[in-house]
Amino acid sequence: MVAERFAETAVRAREAERDLLGEVFSGCGSDSERLVAVWAVQYWEWRRVSLLMGGSGWDVYRRRQDGLRAELWLSAGSGRLIRKSATRAGMEPIEVLAQLAERIVVGEDGTVSVPPFSPATTV
């Protein structure tokens, strides 16, 4: 699984770099550069994972994962709602998303829900 992800990420990084160099995304310059940067980060993370797995197994990798860092792409409507909620609370959207994630409840049947709450800055 790790080897497959590593190989897939390497291929995508090369494709993104080729696209950037070939100006396939002309007119979206900063977006294509961002795409290359994102894939490069993922490539090196999977490379690190691959090396850890080869040397020490899953236990080493699991210990390094204390939290979760993710890049999140929301639909326009969801993004507007998060920004609106953040503005009302005097917060950044990422802070609202973090509070939302902290309140996730997973039911016995695997359903995910979040009880109603008002985002608030912590003191």
Protein backbone atom coordinates (compact mmCIF):
# COMPACT_ATOMS: atom_id res chain seq x y z
CA MET A 1 0.00 0.00 0.00
CA VAL A 2 2.73 2.47 0.96
CA ALA A 3 4.81 1.52 -2.07
CA GLU A 4 1.78 2.05 -4.34
CA ARG A 5 1.08 5.49 -2.83
CA PHE A 6 4.74 6.40 -3.09
CA ALA A 7 4.83 5.42 -6.77
CA GLU A 8 1.53 7.22 -7.50
CA THR A 9 2.72 10.39 -5.80
CA ALA A 10 6.02 10.30 -7.69
CA VAL A 11 4.16 9.96 -11.01
CA ARG A 12 1.80 12.82 -10.17
CA ALA A 13 4.66 15.05 -9.06
CA ARG A 14 6.45 14.44 -12.36
CA GLU A 15 3.21 15.10 -14.30
CA ALA A 16 2.57 18.32 -12.41
CA GLU A 17 6.13 19.48 -12.96
CA ARG A 18 5.92 18.61 -16.67
CA ASP A 19 2.64 20.49 -16.95
CA LEU A 20 4.12 23.51 -15.22
CA LEU A 21 7.19 23.51 -17.43
CA GLY A 22 5.09 22.98 -20.55
CA GLU A 23 2.76 25.79 -19.50
CA VAL A 24 -0.26 23.53 -19.87
CA PHE A 25 -1.95 25.68 -17.26
CA SER A 26 -1.13 28.99 -18.92
CA GLY A 27 -3.23 31.70 -17.38
CA CYS A 28 -3.29 29.87 -14.04
CA GLY A 29 0.38 30.37 -13.23
CA SER A 30 0.18 30.50 -9.45
CA ASP A 31 -2.30 27.62 -9.32
CA SER A 32 -0.04 25.30 -11.32
CA GLU A 33 2.92 26.27 -9.15
CA ARG A 34 0.85 25.50 -6.07
CA LEU A 35 -0.11 22.12 -7.54
CA VAL A 36 3.55 21.26 -8.05
CA ALA A 37 4.35 22.34 -4.48
CA VAL A 38 1.51 20.26 -3.00
CA TRP A 39 2.51 17.15 -4.93
CA ALA A 40 6.17 17.67 -4.01
CA VAL A 41 5.27 17.76 -0.32
CA GLN A 42 3.17 14.62 -0.69
CA TYR A 43 5.93 12.89 -2.63
CA TRP A 44 8.51 13.58 0.07
CA GLU A 45 6.12 12.56 2.84
CA TRP A 46 5.46 9.20 1.16
CA ARG A 47 9.19 8.81 0.57
CA ARG A 48 9.79 9.40 4.29
CA VAL A 49 7.05 6.90 5.13
CA SER A 50 8.54 4.36 2.73
CA LEU A 51 11.97 4.71 4.35
CA LEU A 52 10.52 4.43 7.85
CA MET A 53 8.51 1.38 6.87
CA GLY A 54 11.53 -0.28 5.28
CA GLY A 55 13.67 0.27 8.35
CA SER A 56 11.36 -0.02 11.33
CA GLY A 57 7.80 -0.87 10.33
CA TRP A 58 4.47 0.79 11.02
CA ASP A 59 5.06 1.46 14.71
CA VAL A 60 7.64 4.18 13.99
CA TYR A 61 5.36 5.96 11.53
CA ARG A 62 2.33 5.81 13.83
CA ARG A 63 4.25 7.42 16.69
CA ARG A 64 5.01 10.46 14.52
CA GLN A 65 1.30 11.08 13.88
CA ASP A 66 0.15 12.96 16.97
CA GLY A 67 -2.44 15.00 15.14
CA LEU A 68 -3.76 15.55 11.68
CA ARG A 69 -2.74 18.22 9.24
CA ALA A 70 -4.79 18.39 6.09
CA GLU A 71 -5.42 20.63 3.17
CA LEU A 72 -9.15 20.97 2.70
CA TRP A 73 -10.99 22.02 -0.43
CA LEU A 74 -14.61 23.04 0.19
CA SER A 75 -17.37 23.80 -2.25
CA ALA A 76 -18.14 27.49 -2.71
CA GLY A 77 -21.29 27.22 -0.61
CA SER A 78 -19.61 25.43 2.28
CA GLY A 79 -16.68 27.83 2.14
CA ARG A 80 -19.01 30.82 2.37
CA LEU A 81 -20.75 29.34 5.41
CA ILE A 82 -17.46 28.68 7.19
CA ARG A 83 -16.17 32.19 6.39
CA LYS A 84 -19.45 33.75 7.53
CA SER A 85 -19.35 31.82 10.80
CA ALA A 86 -15.70 32.78 11.34
CA THR A 87 -16.38 36.45 10.68
CA ARG A 88 -19.26 36.48 13.16
CA ALA A 89 -17.07 34.88 15.82
CA GLY A 90 -14.06 37.11 15.06
CA MET A 91 -12.02 34.08 14.05
CA GLU A 92 -10.19 32.68 11.06
CA PRO A 93 -11.96 30.00 9.00
CA ILE A 94 -9.33 27.41 9.98
CA GLU A 95 -10.18 27.97 13.64
CA VAL A 96 -13.86 27.30 12.97
CA LEU A 97 -12.96 24.12 11.07
CA ALA A 98 -10.76 22.99 13.97
CA GLN A 99 -13.60 23.52 16.45
CA LEU A 100 -15.96 21.70 14.10
CA ALA A 101 -13.56 18.75 13.92
CA GLU A 102 -13.15 18.65 17.72
CA ARG A 103 -16.90 18.16 18.11
CA ILE A 104 -17.31 15.26 15.66
CA VAL A 105 -19.35 12.37 17.04
CA VAL A 106 -19.17 8.95 15.38
CA GLY A 107 -22.19 6.76 15.98
CA GLU A 108 -22.11 3.00 16.48
CA ASP A 109 -23.26 2.55 12.88
CA GLY A 110 -20.41 4.75 11.60
CA THR A 111 -22.49 7.85 10.98
CA VAL A 112 -20.69 11.13 11.59
CA SER A 113 -22.41 14.16 13.05
CA VAL A 114 -21.64 17.40 14.85
CA PRO A 115 -23.97 18.72 17.53
CA PRO A 116 -24.94 22.40 17.08
CA PHE A 117 -22.46 24.85 18.57
CA SER A 118 -21.37 28.46 18.27
CA PRO A 119 -17.71 28.92 17.34
CA ALA A 120 -15.91 31.02 19.91
CA THR A 121 -12.36 32.14 20.52
CA THR A 122 -10.70 30.43 23.44
CA VAL A 123 -9.02 32.47 26.12
